[in-house]
Amino acid sequence: MRTQKKLQLRQLRVWRIRKKVAGTAERPRMSVRFTGQHIYVQFIDDGKGVTIASASTRVKSQADRESLGANVKSAVIIGKAAAEAAKARGISAVVFDRSGARYHGKVKALADSARESGLKF
């Protein structure tokens, strides 16, 4: 399959999911994005259009930042860090937005570690 077609199909999946998933101030959207090298998590209030909290493999305060990448082991660490960042801002319940990725592997590991750290989906 051509690269352009893959990107187009992914964008359609993202739009289809975003029609159904929206975050509020009480229950923000937890948006997860995996690139080839990094993992990004944001807690977004769609009503105001602002990011409340975030976590990623690129944050300088993250321990062992050089060894983190876009893999399952790092996803578990970032899931815990994201849950801690959310708790620091008073967030206990979120709406999970997987950004068009299938719910297995890295996405599932990140979500499970965030749940174990106290976030409710």
PDB file of N, CA and C in Angstrom:
ATOM      1  N   MET A   1       0.852  -1.175   0.000  1.00  0.00           N
ATOM      2  CA  MET A   1       0.000   0.000   0.000  1.00  0.00           C
ATOM      3  C   MET A   1       0.896   1.236   0.000  1.00  0.00           C
ATOM      4  N   ARG A   2       0.522   2.220  -0.769  1.00  0.00           N
ATOM      5  CA  ARG A   2       1.314   3.437  -0.854  1.00  0.00           C
ATOM      6  C   ARG A   2       1.258   4.228   0.445  1.00  0.00           C
ATOM      7  N   THR A   3       2.307   4.971   0.696  1.00  0.00           N
ATOM      8  CA  THR A   3       2.417   5.741   1.930  1.00  0.00           C
ATOM      9  C   THR A   3       1.308   6.776   2.037  1.00  0.00           C
ATOM     10  N   GLN A   4       0.993   7.429   0.951  1.00  0.00           N
ATOM     11  CA  GLN A   4      -0.071   8.439   0.979  1.00  0.00           C
ATOM     12  C   GLN A   4      -1.417   7.817   1.328  1.00  0.00           C
ATOM     13  N   LYS A   5      -1.681   6.648   0.812  1.00  0.00           N
ATOM     14  CA  LYS A   5      -2.942   5.967   1.106  1.00  0.00           C
ATOM     15  C   LYS A   5      -3.011   5.569   2.580  1.00  0.00           C
ATOM     16  N   LYS A   6      -1.874   5.096   3.142  1.00  0.00           N
ATOM     17  CA  LYS A   6      -1.845   4.751   4.563  1.00  0.00           C
ATOM     18  C   LYS A   6      -2.124   5.970   5.426  1.00  0.00           C
ATOM     19  N   LEU A   7      -1.494   7.083   5.086  1.00  0.00           N
ATOM     20  CA  LEU A   7      -1.722   8.309   5.850  1.00  0.00           C
ATOM     21  C   LEU A   7      -3.168   8.778   5.739  1.00  0.00           C
ATOM     22  N   GLN A   8      -3.737   8.644   4.554  1.00  0.00           N
ATOM     23  CA  GLN A   8      -5.125   9.045   4.355  1.00  0.00           C
ATOM     24  C   GLN A   8      -6.075   8.177   5.185  1.00  0.00           C
ATOM     25  N   LEU A   9      -5.845   6.865   5.196  1.00  0.00           N
ATOM     26  CA  LEU A   9      -6.691   5.966   5.981  1.00  0.00           C
ATOM     27  C   LEU A   9      -6.544   6.225   7.475  1.00  0.00           C
ATOM     28  N   ARG A  10      -5.317   6.520   7.922  1.00  0.00           N
ATOM     29  CA  ARG A  10      -5.102   6.843   9.328  1.00  0.00           C
ATOM     30  C   ARG A  10      -5.835   8.112   9.713  1.00  0.00           C
ATOM     31  N   GLN A  11      -5.788   9.115   8.846  1.00  0.00           N
ATOM     32  CA  GLN A  11      -6.478  10.371   9.132  1.00  0.00           C
ATOM     33  C   GLN A  11      -7.987  10.163   9.212  1.00  0.00           C
ATOM     34  N   LEU A  12      -8.538   9.294   8.380  1.00  0.00           N
ATOM     35  CA  LEU A  12      -9.962   8.992   8.456  1.00  0.00           C
ATOM     36  C   LEU A  12     -10.308   8.307   9.779  1.00  0.00           C
ATOM     37  N   ARG A  13      -9.423   7.398  10.256  1.00  0.00           N
ATOM     38  CA  ARG A  13      -9.642   6.756  11.557  1.00  0.00           C
ATOM     39  C   ARG A  13      -9.618   7.780  12.675  1.00  0.00           C
ATOM     40  N   VAL A  14      -8.675   8.710  12.609  1.00  0.00           N
ATOM     41  CA  VAL A  14      -8.568   9.746  13.634  1.00  0.00           C
ATOM     42  C   VAL A  14      -9.843  10.577  13.675  1.00  0.00           C
ATOM     43  N   TRP A  15     -10.313  11.000  12.515  1.00  0.00           N
ATOM     44  CA  TRP A  15     -11.538  11.814  12.471  1.00  0.00           C
ATOM     45  C   TRP A  15     -12.744  11.038  12.981  1.00  0.00           C
ATOM     46  N   ARG A  16     -12.827   9.745  12.643  1.00  0.00           N
ATOM     47  CA  ARG A  16     -13.957   8.922  13.084  1.00  0.00           C
ATOM     48  C   ARG A  16     -13.962   8.786  14.604  1.00  0.00           C
ATOM     49  N   ILE A  17     -12.799   8.624  15.195  1.00  0.00           N
ATOM     50  CA  ILE A  17     -12.701   8.509  16.651  1.00  0.00           C
ATOM     51  C   ILE A  17     -13.020   9.850  17.318  1.00  0.00           C
ATOM     52  N   ARG A  18     -12.474  10.948  16.770  1.00  0.00           N
ATOM     53  CA  ARG A  18     -12.645  12.268  17.380  1.00  0.00           C
ATOM     54  C   ARG A  18     -14.090  12.762  17.332  1.00  0.00           C
ATOM     55  N   LYS A  19     -14.905  12.229  16.413  1.00  0.00           N
ATOM     56  CA  LYS A  19     -16.326  12.585  16.412  1.00  0.00           C
ATOM     57  C   LYS A  19     -17.009  12.122  17.683  1.00  0.00           C
ATOM     58  N   LYS A  20     -16.513  11.012  18.233  1.00  0.00           N
ATOM     59  CA  LYS A  20     -17.157  10.387  19.385  1.00  0.00           C
ATOM     60  C   LYS A  20     -16.496  10.736  20.716  1.00  0.00           C
ATOM     61  N   VAL A  21     -15.232  11.167  20.689  1.00  0.00           N
ATOM     62  CA  VAL A  21     -14.456  11.386  21.910  1.00  0.00           C
ATOM     63  C   VAL A  21     -14.222  12.878  22.095  1.00  0.00           C
ATOM     64  N   ALA A  22     -14.648  13.407  23.233  1.00  0.00           N
ATOM     65  CA  ALA A  22     -14.410  14.819  23.550  1.00  0.00           C
ATOM     66  C   ALA A  22     -14.128  14.941  25.040  1.00  0.00           C
ATOM     67  N   GLY A  23     -13.206  15.824  25.372  1.00  0.00           N
ATOM     68  CA  GLY A  23     -12.834  16.019  26.767  1.00  0.00           C
ATOM     69  C   GLY A  23     -13.476  17.262  27.353  1.00  0.00           C
ATOM     70  N   THR A  24     -13.725  17.239  28.650  1.00  0.00           N
ATOM     71  CA  THR A  24     -14.265  18.382  29.372  1.00  0.00           C
ATOM     72  C   THR A  24     -13.291  18.752  30.478  1.00  0.00           C
ATOM     73  N   ALA A  25     -13.609  19.789  31.230  1.00  0.00           N
ATOM     74  CA  ALA A  25     -12.737  20.192  32.334  1.00  0.00           C
ATOM     75  C   ALA A  25     -12.717  19.123  33.426  1.00  0.00           C
ATOM     76  N   GLU A  26     -13.871  18.469  33.680  1.00  0.00           N
ATOM     77  CA  GLU A  26     -13.944  17.442  34.718  1.00  0.00           C
ATOM     78  C   GLU A  26     -13.328  16.124  34.244  1.00  0.00           C
ATOM     79  N   ARG A  27     -13.467  15.828  32.944  1.00  0.00           N
ATOM     80  CA  ARG A  27     -12.984  14.571  32.384  1.00  0.00           C
ATOM     81  C   ARG A  27     -12.286  14.856  31.054  1.00  0.00           C
ATOM     82  N   PRO A  28     -11.016  15.269  31.098  1.00  0.00           N
ATOM     83  CA  PRO A  28     -10.320  15.653  29.870  1.00  0.00           C
ATOM     84  C   PRO A  28      -9.985  14.458  28.977  1.00  0.00           C
ATOM     85  N   ARG A  29      -9.652  14.761  27.749  1.00  0.00           N
ATOM     86  CA  ARG A  29      -9.271  13.739  26.774  1.00  0.00           C
ATOM     87  C   ARG A  29      -7.786  13.444  26.939  1.00  0.00           C
ATOM     88  N   MET A  30      -7.466  12.158  27.100  1.00  0.00           N
ATOM     89  CA  MET A  30      -6.075  11.728  27.192  1.00  0.00           C
ATOM     90  C   MET A  30      -5.640  11.283  25.802  1.00  0.00           C
ATOM     91  N   SER A  31      -4.944  12.154  25.106  1.00  0.00           N
ATOM     92  CA  SER A  31      -4.523  11.895  23.741  1.00  0.00           C
ATOM     93  C   SER A  31      -3.133  11.268  23.738  1.00  0.00           C
ATOM     94  N   VAL A  32      -3.007  10.124  23.084  1.00  0.00           N
ATOM     95  CA  VAL A  32      -1.753   9.380  23.032  1.00  0.00           C
ATOM     96  C   VAL A  32      -1.271   9.353  21.591  1.00  0.00           C
ATOM     97  N   ARG A  33       0.000   9.700  21.374  1.00  0.00           N
ATOM     98  CA  ARG A  33       0.564   9.697  20.027  1.00  0.00           C
ATOM     99  C   ARG A  33       1.935   9.028  20.060  1.00  0.00           C
ATOM    100  N   PHE A  34       2.138   8.065  19.190  1.00  0.00           N
ATOM    101  CA  PHE A  34       3.406   7.368  19.058  1.00  0.00           C
ATOM    102  C   PHE A  34       4.033   7.740  17.724  1.00  0.00           C
ATOM    103  N   THR A  35       5.260   8.235  17.752  1.00  0.00           N
ATOM    104  CA  THR A  35       6.013   8.448  16.524  1.00  0.00           C
ATOM    105  C   THR A  35       7.024   7.309  16.414  1.00  0.00           C
ATOM    106  N   GLY A  36       7.901   7.383  15.468  1.00  0.00           N
ATOM    107  CA  GLY A  36       8.899   6.339  15.310  1.00  0.00           C
ATOM    108  C   GLY A  36       9.873   6.268  16.462  1.00  0.00           C
ATOM    109  N   GLN A  37      10.096   7.391  17.157  1.00  0.00           N
ATOM    110  CA  GLN A  37      11.092   7.425  18.210  1.00  0.00           C
ATOM    111  C   GLN A  37      10.555   7.810  19.576  1.00  0.00           C
ATOM    112  N   HIS A  38       9.412   8.458  19.660  1.00  0.00           N
ATOM    113  CA  HIS A  38       8.955   9.016  20.931  1.00  0.00           C
ATOM    114  C   HIS A  38       7.485   8.716  21.200  1.00  0.00           C
ATOM    115  N   ILE A  39       7.098   8.950  22.460  1.00  0.00           N
ATOM    116  CA  ILE A  39       5.719   8.785  22.923  1.00  0.00           C
ATOM    117  C   ILE A  39       5.283  10.112  23.527  1.00  0.00           C
ATOM    118  N   TYR A  40       4.086  10.574  23.171  1.00  0.00           N
ATOM    119  CA  TYR A  40       3.545  11.827  23.688  1.00  0.00           C
ATOM    120  C   TYR A  40       2.148  11.572  24.256  1.00  0.00           C
ATOM    121  N   VAL A  41       1.886  12.115  25.446  1.00  0.00           N
ATOM    122  CA  VAL A  41       0.567  12.017  26.078  1.00  0.00           C
ATOM    123  C   VAL A  41       0.159  13.418  26.507  1.00  0.00           C
ATOM    124  N   GLN A  42      -1.074  13.811  26.153  1.00  0.00           N
ATOM    125  CA  GLN A  42      -1.596  15.107  26.560  1.00  0.00           C
ATOM    126  C   GLN A  42      -2.984  14.932  27.167  1.00  0.00           C
ATOM    127  N   PHE A  43      -3.295  15.758  28.150  1.00  0.00           N
ATOM    128  CA  PHE A  43      -4.625  15.817  28.744  1.00  0.00           C
ATOM    129  C   PHE A  43      -5.244  17.123  28.277  1.00  0.00           C
ATOM    130  N   ILE A  44      -6.309  17.029  27.468  1.00  0.00           N
ATOM    131  CA  ILE A  44      -6.845  18.182  26.759  1.00  0.00           C
ATOM    132  C   ILE A  44      -8.281  18.453  27.163  1.00  0.00           C
ATOM    133  N   ASP A  45      -8.576  19.725  27.464  1.00  0.00           N
ATOM    134  CA  ASP A  45      -9.939  20.195  27.687  1.00  0.00           C
ATOM    135  C   ASP A  45     -10.426  20.755  26.356  1.00  0.00           C
ATOM    136  N   ASP A  46     -11.294  20.011  25.658  1.00  0.00           N
ATOM    137  CA  ASP A  46     -11.751  20.422  24.335  1.00  0.00           C
ATOM    138  C   ASP A  46     -12.718  21.598  24.387  1.00  0.00           C
ATOM    139  N   GLY A  47     -13.370  21.797  25.509  1.00  0.00           N
ATOM    140  CA  GLY A  47     -14.275  22.936  25.637  1.00  0.00           C
ATOM    141  C   GLY A  47     -13.538  24.263  25.531  1.00  0.00           C
ATOM    142  N   LYS A  48     -12.401  24.352  26.204  1.00  0.00           N
ATOM    143  CA  LYS A  48     -11.585  25.561  26.169  1.00  0.00           C
ATOM    144  C   LYS A  48     -10.488  25.490  25.114  1.00  0.00           C
ATOM    145  N   GLY A  49     -10.157  24.278  24.674  1.00  0.00           N
ATOM    146  CA  GLY A  49      -9.103  24.107  23.692  1.00  0.00           C
ATOM    147  C   GLY A  49      -7.713  24.278  24.271  1.00  0.00           C
ATOM    148  N   VAL A  50      -7.512  23.810  25.510  1.00  0.00           N
ATOM    149  CA  VAL A  50      -6.211  23.949  26.162  1.00  0.00           C
ATOM    150  C   VAL A  50      -5.698  22.589  26.635  1.00  0.00           C
ATOM    151  N   THR A  51      -4.374  22.482  26.704  1.00  0.00           N
ATOM    152  CA  THR A  51      -3.734  21.298  27.258  1.00  0.00           C
ATOM    153  C   THR A  51      -3.528  21.514  28.752  1.00  0.00           C
ATOM    154  N   ILE A  52      -4.063  20.604  29.546  1.00  0.00           N
ATOM    155  CA  ILE A  52      -3.997  20.739  30.998  1.00  0.00           C
ATOM    156  C   ILE A  52      -2.681  20.185  31.542  1.00  0.00           C
ATOM    157  N   ALA A  53      -2.286  19.011  31.073  1.00  0.00           N
ATOM    158  CA  ALA A  53      -1.044  18.374  31.519  1.00  0.00           C
ATOM    159  C   ALA A  53      -0.505  17.525  30.378  1.00  0.00           C
ATOM    160  N   SER A  54       0.770  17.169  30.465  1.00  0.00           N
ATOM    161  CA  SER A  54       1.361  16.343  29.419  1.00  0.00           C
ATOM    162  C   SER A  54       2.532  15.544  29.971  1.00  0.00           C
ATOM    163  N   ALA A  55       2.934  14.540  29.201  1.00  0.00           N
ATOM    164  CA  ALA A  55       4.104  13.728  29.519  1.00  0.00           C
ATOM    165  C   ALA A  55       4.624  13.150  28.206  1.00  0.00           C
ATOM    166  N   SER A  56       5.930  12.962  28.131  1.00  0.00           N
ATOM    167  CA  SER A  56       6.506  12.368  26.923  1.00  0.00           C
ATOM    168  C   SER A  56       7.885  11.811  27.227  1.00  0.00           C
ATOM    169  N   THR A  57       8.443  11.125  26.240  1.00  0.00           N
ATOM    170  CA  THR A  57       9.784  10.591  26.380  1.00  0.00           C
ATOM    171  C   THR A  57      10.827  11.679  26.184  1.00  0.00           C
ATOM    172  N   ARG A  58      10.438  12.867  25.768  1.00  0.00           N
ATOM    173  CA  ARG A  58      11.375  13.960  25.512  1.00  0.00           C
ATOM    174  C   ARG A  58      11.496  14.947  26.664  1.00  0.00           C
ATOM    175  N   VAL A  59      10.704  14.799  27.724  1.00  0.00           N
ATOM    176  CA  VAL A  59      10.744  15.712  28.858  1.00  0.00           C
ATOM    177  C   VAL A  59      12.069  15.543  29.589  1.00  0.00           C
ATOM    178  N   LYS A  60      12.749  16.646  29.853  1.00  0.00           N
ATOM    179  CA  LYS A  60      14.079  16.579  30.461  1.00  0.00           C
ATOM    180  C   LYS A  60      14.039  16.074  31.896  1.00  0.00           C
ATOM    181  N   SER A  61      12.928  16.248  32.585  1.00  0.00           N
ATOM    182  CA  SER A  61      12.836  15.792  33.969  1.00  0.00           C
ATOM    183  C   SER A  61      12.586  14.283  34.073  1.00  0.00           C
ATOM    184  N   GLN A  62      12.320  13.620  32.936  1.00  0.00           N
ATOM    185  CA  GLN A  62      12.065  12.184  32.930  1.00  0.00           C
ATOM    186  C   GLN A  62      13.362  11.426  33.210  1.00  0.00           C
ATOM    187  N   ALA A  63      13.327  10.498  34.170  1.00  0.00           N
ATOM    188  CA  ALA A  63      14.517   9.709  34.509  1.00  0.00           C
ATOM    189  C   ALA A  63      14.875   8.774  33.347  1.00  0.00           C
ATOM    190  N   ASP A  64      16.150   8.595  33.096  1.00  0.00           N
ATOM    191  CA  ASP A  64      16.662   7.738  32.011  1.00  0.00           C
ATOM    192  C   ASP A  64      16.055   8.102  30.658  1.00  0.00           C
ATOM    193  N   ARG A  65      15.989   9.380  30.393  1.00  0.00           N
ATOM    194  CA  ARG A  65      15.363   9.877  29.170  1.00  0.00           C
ATOM    195  C   ARG A  65      16.081   9.377  27.919  1.00  0.00           C
ATOM    196  N   GLU A  66      17.389   9.190  27.972  1.00  0.00           N
ATOM    197  CA  GLU A  66      18.145   8.776  26.804  1.00  0.00           C
ATOM    198  C   GLU A  66      17.816   7.344  26.385  1.00  0.00           C
ATOM    199  N   SER A  67      17.436   6.505  27.336  1.00  0.00           N
ATOM    200  CA  SER A  67      17.153   5.106  27.022  1.00  0.00           C
ATOM    201  C   SER A  67      15.695   4.869  26.621  1.00  0.00           C
ATOM    202  N   LEU A  68      14.840   5.884  26.739  1.00  0.00           N
ATOM    203  CA  LEU A  68      13.428   5.716  26.393  1.00  0.00           C
ATOM    204  C   LEU A  68      13.228   5.871  24.894  1.00  0.00           C
ATOM    205  N   GLY A  69      12.292   5.108  24.348  1.00  0.00           N
ATOM    206  CA  GLY A  69      11.964   5.182  22.935  1.00  0.00           C
ATOM    207  C   GLY A  69      10.491   4.887  22.747  1.00  0.00           C
ATOM    208  N   ALA A  70      10.109   4.529  21.552  1.00  0.00           N
ATOM    209  CA  ALA A  70       8.714   4.212  21.256  1.00  0.00           C
ATOM    210  C   ALA A  70       8.526   2.704  21.319  1.00  0.00           C
ATOM    211  N   ASN A  71       8.653   2.141  22.530  1.00  0.00           N
ATOM    212  CA  ASN A  71       8.465   0.708  22.705  1.00  0.00           C
ATOM    213  C   ASN A  71       7.582   0.441  23.917  1.00  0.00           C
ATOM    214  N   VAL A  72       7.280  -0.820  24.164  1.00  0.00           N
ATOM    215  CA  VAL A  72       6.349  -1.191  25.228  1.00  0.00           C
ATOM    216  C   VAL A  72       6.912  -0.832  26.603  1.00  0.00           C
ATOM    217  N   LYS A  73       8.200  -1.065  26.810  1.00  0.00           N
ATOM    218  CA  LYS A  73       8.818  -0.765  28.111  1.00  0.00           C
ATOM    219  C   LYS A  73       8.703   0.727  28.428  1.00  0.00           C
ATOM    220  N   SER A  74       8.975   1.552  27.459  1.00  0.00           N
ATOM    221  CA  SER A  74       8.865   2.998  27.648  1.00  0.00           C
ATOM    222  C   SER A  74       7.413   3.435  27.805  1.00  0.00           C
ATOM    223  N   ALA A  75       6.497   2.746  27.116  1.00  0.00           N
ATOM    224  CA  ALA A  75       5.079   3.084  27.218  1.00  0.00           C
ATOM    225  C   ALA A  75       4.580   2.895  28.646  1.00  0.00           C
ATOM    226  N   VAL A  76       5.058   1.863  29.321  1.00  0.00           N
ATOM    227  CA  VAL A  76       4.664   1.632  30.714  1.00  0.00           C
ATOM    228  C   VAL A  76       5.167   2.776  31.596  1.00  0.00           C
ATOM    229  N   ILE A  77       6.408   3.198  31.382  1.00  0.00           N
ATOM    230  CA  ILE A  77       6.995   4.278  32.182  1.00  0.00           C
ATOM    231  C   ILE A  77       6.269   5.592  31.929  1.00  0.00           C
ATOM    232  N   ILE A  78       5.974   5.893  30.674  1.00  0.00           N
ATOM    233  CA  ILE A  78       5.299   7.143  30.325  1.00  0.00           C
ATOM    234  C   ILE A  78       3.850   7.122  30.805  1.00  0.00           C
ATOM    235  N   GLY A  79       3.206   5.955  30.809  1.00  0.00           N
ATOM    236  CA  GLY A  79       1.848   5.851  31.345  1.00  0.00           C
ATOM    237  C   GLY A  79       1.797   6.222  32.814  1.00  0.00           C
ATOM    238  N   LYS A  80       2.777   5.759  33.579  1.00  0.00           N
ATOM    239  CA  LYS A  80       2.841   6.111  35.000  1.00  0.00           C
ATOM    240  C   LYS A  80       3.137   7.595  35.183  1.00  0.00           C
ATOM    241  N   ALA A  81       4.061   8.127  34.362  1.00  0.00           N
ATOM    242  CA  ALA A  81       4.402   9.551  34.452  1.00  0.00           C
ATOM    243  C   ALA A  81       3.212  10.425  34.073  1.00  0.00           C
ATOM    244  N   ALA A  82       2.441  10.000  33.080  1.00  0.00           N
ATOM    245  CA  ALA A  82       1.261  10.756  32.668  1.00  0.00           C
ATOM    246  C   ALA A  82       0.203  10.758  33.768  1.00  0.00           C
ATOM    247  N   ALA A  83       0.021   9.620  34.424  1.00  0.00           N
ATOM    248  CA  ALA A  83      -0.951   9.542  35.514  1.00  0.00           C
ATOM    249  C   ALA A  83      -0.540  10.439  36.679  1.00  0.00           C
ATOM    250  N   GLU A  84       0.751  10.482  36.972  1.00  0.00           N
ATOM    251  CA  GLU A  84       1.229  11.364  38.042  1.00  0.00           C
ATOM    252  C   GLU A  84       1.036  12.835  37.688  1.00  0.00           C
ATOM    253  N   ALA A  85       1.296  13.185  36.420  1.00  0.00           N
ATOM    254  CA  ALA A  85       1.095  14.572  35.980  1.00  0.00           C
ATOM    255  C   ALA A  85      -0.374  14.954  36.052  1.00  0.00           C
ATOM    256  N   ALA A  86      -1.250  14.018  35.713  1.00  0.00           N
ATOM    257  CA  ALA A  86      -2.682  14.286  35.781  1.00  0.00           C
ATOM    258  C   ALA A  86      -3.151  14.443  37.223  1.00  0.00           C
ATOM    259  N   LYS A  87      -2.666  13.574  38.105  1.00  0.00           N
ATOM    260  CA  LYS A  87      -3.048  13.676  39.511  1.00  0.00           C
ATOM    261  C   LYS A  87      -2.574  14.984  40.123  1.00  0.00           C
ATOM    262  N   ALA A  88      -1.410  15.463  39.699  1.00  0.00           N
ATOM    263  CA  ALA A  88      -0.891  16.738  40.204  1.00  0.00           C
ATOM    264  C   ALA A  88      -1.794  17.902  39.815  1.00  0.00           C
ATOM    265  N   ARG A  89      -2.494  17.774  38.703  1.00  0.00           N
ATOM    266  CA  ARG A  89      -3.435  18.809  38.250  1.00  0.00           C
ATOM    267  C   ARG A  89      -4.872  18.548  38.705  1.00  0.00           C
ATOM    268  N   GLY A  90      -5.090  17.497  39.496  1.00  0.00           N
ATOM    269  CA  GLY A  90      -6.416  17.209  40.030  1.00  0.00           C
ATOM    270  C   GLY A  90      -7.304  16.411  39.093  1.00  0.00           C
ATOM    271  N   ILE A  91      -6.720  15.691  38.160  1.00  0.00           N
ATOM    272  CA  ILE A  91      -7.485  14.889  37.200  1.00  0.00           C
ATOM    273  C   ILE A  91      -7.504  13.445  37.686  1.00  0.00           C
ATOM    274  N   SER A  92      -8.701  12.871  37.799  1.00  0.00           N
ATOM    275  CA  SER A  92      -8.794  11.477  38.221  1.00  0.00           C
ATOM    276  C   SER A  92      -9.483  10.604  37.180  1.00  0.00           C
ATOM    277  N   ALA A  93     -10.300  11.199  36.312  1.00  0.00           N
ATOM    278  CA  ALA A  93     -11.001  10.447  35.268  1.00  0.00           C
ATOM    279  C   ALA A  93     -10.741  11.105  33.918  1.00  0.00           C
ATOM    280  N   VAL A  94     -10.512  10.271  32.897  1.00  0.00           N
ATOM    281  CA  VAL A  94     -10.202  10.780  31.561  1.00  0.00           C
ATOM    282  C   VAL A  94     -10.988  10.007  30.503  1.00  0.00           C
ATOM    283  N   VAL A  95     -11.014  10.574  29.291  1.00  0.00           N
ATOM    284  CA  VAL A  95     -11.535   9.904  28.107  1.00  0.00           C
ATOM    285  C   VAL A  95     -10.318   9.546  27.267  1.00  0.00           C
ATOM    286  N   PHE A  96     -10.151   8.278  26.900  1.00  0.00           N
ATOM    287  CA  PHE A  96      -8.947   7.818  26.220  1.00  0.00           C
ATOM    288  C   PHE A  96      -9.073   8.004  24.714  1.00  0.00           C
ATOM    289  N   ASP A  97      -8.108   8.703  24.114  1.00  0.00           N
ATOM    290  CA  ASP A  97      -8.050   8.929  22.675  1.00  0.00           C
ATOM    291  C   ASP A  97      -6.767   8.285  22.162  1.00  0.00           C
ATOM    292  N   ARG A  98      -6.894   7.210  21.415  1.00  0.00           N
ATOM    293  CA  ARG A  98      -5.724   6.468  20.949  1.00  0.00           C
ATOM    294  C   ARG A  98      -5.178   7.002  19.636  1.00  0.00           C
ATOM    295  N   SER A  99      -5.747   8.057  19.103  1.00  0.00           N
ATOM    296  CA  SER A  99      -5.256   8.749  17.904  1.00  0.00           C
ATOM    297  C   SER A  99      -5.127   7.845  16.684  1.00  0.00           C
ATOM    298  N   GLY A 100      -6.087   6.984  16.481  1.00  0.00           N
ATOM    299  CA  GLY A 100      -6.106   6.149  15.290  1.00  0.00           C
ATOM    300  C   GLY A 100      -5.308   4.873  15.387  1.00  0.00           C
ATOM    301  N   ALA A 101      -4.568   4.663  16.467  1.00  0.00           N
ATOM    302  CA  ALA A 101      -3.778   3.439  16.629  1.00  0.00           C
ATOM    303  C   ALA A 101      -4.662   2.321  17.168  1.00  0.00           C
ATOM    304  N   ARG A 102      -4.315   1.097  16.818  1.00  0.00           N
ATOM    305  CA  ARG A 102      -5.075  -0.027  17.342  1.00  0.00           C
ATOM    306  C   ARG A 102      -4.750  -0.222  18.818  1.00  0.00           C
ATOM    307  N   TYR A 103      -5.720  -0.734  19.579  1.00  0.00           N
ATOM    308  CA  TYR A 103      -5.551  -0.902  21.026  1.00  0.00           C
ATOM    309  C   TYR A 103      -4.883  -2.240  21.311  1.00  0.00           C
ATOM    310  N   HIS A 104      -3.572  -2.283  21.137  1.00  0.00           N
ATOM    311  CA  HIS A 104      -2.771  -3.445  21.501  1.00  0.00           C
ATOM    312  C   HIS A 104      -1.332  -2.990  21.590  1.00  0.00           C
ATOM    313  N   GLY A 105      -0.471  -3.813  22.139  1.00  0.00           N
ATOM    314  CA  GLY A 105       0.946  -3.491  22.201  1.00  0.00           C
ATOM    315  C   GLY A 105       1.236  -2.261  23.044  1.00  0.00           C
ATOM    316  N   LYS A 106       1.865  -1.258  22.421  1.00  0.00           N
ATOM    317  CA  LYS A 106       2.297  -0.053  23.137  1.00  0.00           C
ATOM    318  C   LYS A 106       1.120   0.729  23.700  1.00  0.00           C
ATOM    319  N   VAL A 107       0.057   0.845  22.927  1.00  0.00           N
ATOM    320  CA  VAL A 107      -1.109   1.617  23.369  1.00  0.00           C
ATOM    321  C   VAL A 107      -1.752   0.949  24.582  1.00  0.00           C
ATOM    322  N   LYS A 108      -1.891  -0.360  24.531  1.00  0.00           N
ATOM    323  CA  LYS A 108      -2.491  -1.102  25.641  1.00  0.00           C
ATOM    324  C   LYS A 108      -1.606  -1.032  26.876  1.00  0.00           C
ATOM    325  N   ALA A 109      -0.288  -1.145  26.703  1.00  0.00           N
ATOM    326  CA  ALA A 109       0.639  -1.082  27.838  1.00  0.00           C
ATOM    327  C   ALA A 109       0.571   0.279  28.514  1.00  0.00           C
ATOM    328  N   LEU A 110       0.514   1.350  27.726  1.00  0.00           N
ATOM    329  CA  LEU A 110       0.429   2.697  28.289  1.00  0.00           C
ATOM    330  C   LEU A 110      -0.884   2.881  29.045  1.00  0.00           C
ATOM    331  N   ALA A 111      -1.983   2.441  28.454  1.00  0.00           N
ATOM    332  CA  ALA A 111      -3.287   2.587  29.099  1.00  0.00           C
ATOM    333  C   ALA A 111      -3.367   1.773  30.391  1.00  0.00           C
ATOM    334  N   ASP A 112      -2.851   0.558  30.375  1.00  0.00           N
ATOM    335  CA  ASP A 112      -2.884  -0.284  31.571  1.00  0.00           C
ATOM    336  C   ASP A 112      -2.049   0.297  32.703  1.00  0.00           C
ATOM    337  N   SER A 113      -0.877   0.846  32.373  1.00  0.00           N
ATOM    338  CA  SER A 113      -0.045   1.427  33.429  1.00  0.00           C
ATOM    339  C   SER A 113      -0.667   2.707  33.988  1.00  0.00           C
ATOM    340  N   ALA A 114      -1.362   3.469  33.152  1.00  0.00           N
ATOM    341  CA  ALA A 114      -2.050   4.663  33.646  1.00  0.00           C
ATOM    342  C   ALA A 114      -3.212   4.259  34.564  1.00  0.00           C
ATOM    343  N   ARG A 115      -3.922   3.189  34.215  1.00  0.00           N
ATOM    344  CA  ARG A 115      -5.008   2.697  35.065  1.00  0.00           C
ATOM    345  C   ARG A 115      -4.475   2.215  36.403  1.00  0.00           C
ATOM    346  N   GLU A 116      -3.354   1.486  36.373  1.00  0.00           N
ATOM    347  CA  GLU A 116      -2.765   0.972  37.610  1.00  0.00           C
ATOM    348  C   GLU A 116      -2.301   2.117  38.511  1.00  0.00           C
ATOM    349  N   SER A 117      -1.945   3.253  37.896  1.00  0.00           N
ATOM    350  CA  SER A 117      -1.481   4.405  38.671  1.00  0.00           C
ATOM    351  C   SER A 117      -2.635   5.254  39.210  1.00  0.00           C
ATOM    352  N   GLY A 118      -3.868   4.865  38.893  1.00  0.00           N
ATOM    353  CA  GLY A 118      -5.006   5.537  39.512  1.00  0.00           C
ATOM    354  C   GLY A 118      -5.929   6.326  38.592  1.00  0.00           C
ATOM    355  N   LEU A 119      -5.659   6.382  37.295  1.00  0.00           N
ATOM    356  CA  LEU A 119      -6.589   7.080  36.390  1.00  0.00           C
ATOM    357  C   LEU A 119      -7.766   6.176  36.049  1.00  0.00           C
ATOM    358  N   LYS A 120      -8.928   6.786  35.916  1.00  0.00           N
ATOM    359  CA  LYS A 120     -10.128   6.035  35.535  1.00  0.00           C
ATOM    360  C   LYS A 120     -10.498   6.413  34.111  1.00  0.00           C
ATOM    361  N   PHE A 121     -10.708   5.402  33.270  1.00  0.00           N
ATOM    362  CA  PHE A 121     -11.069   5.621  31.863  1.00  0.00           C
ATOM    363  C   PHE A 121     -12.560   5.436  31.712  1.00  0.00           C
TER     364      PHE A 121
END
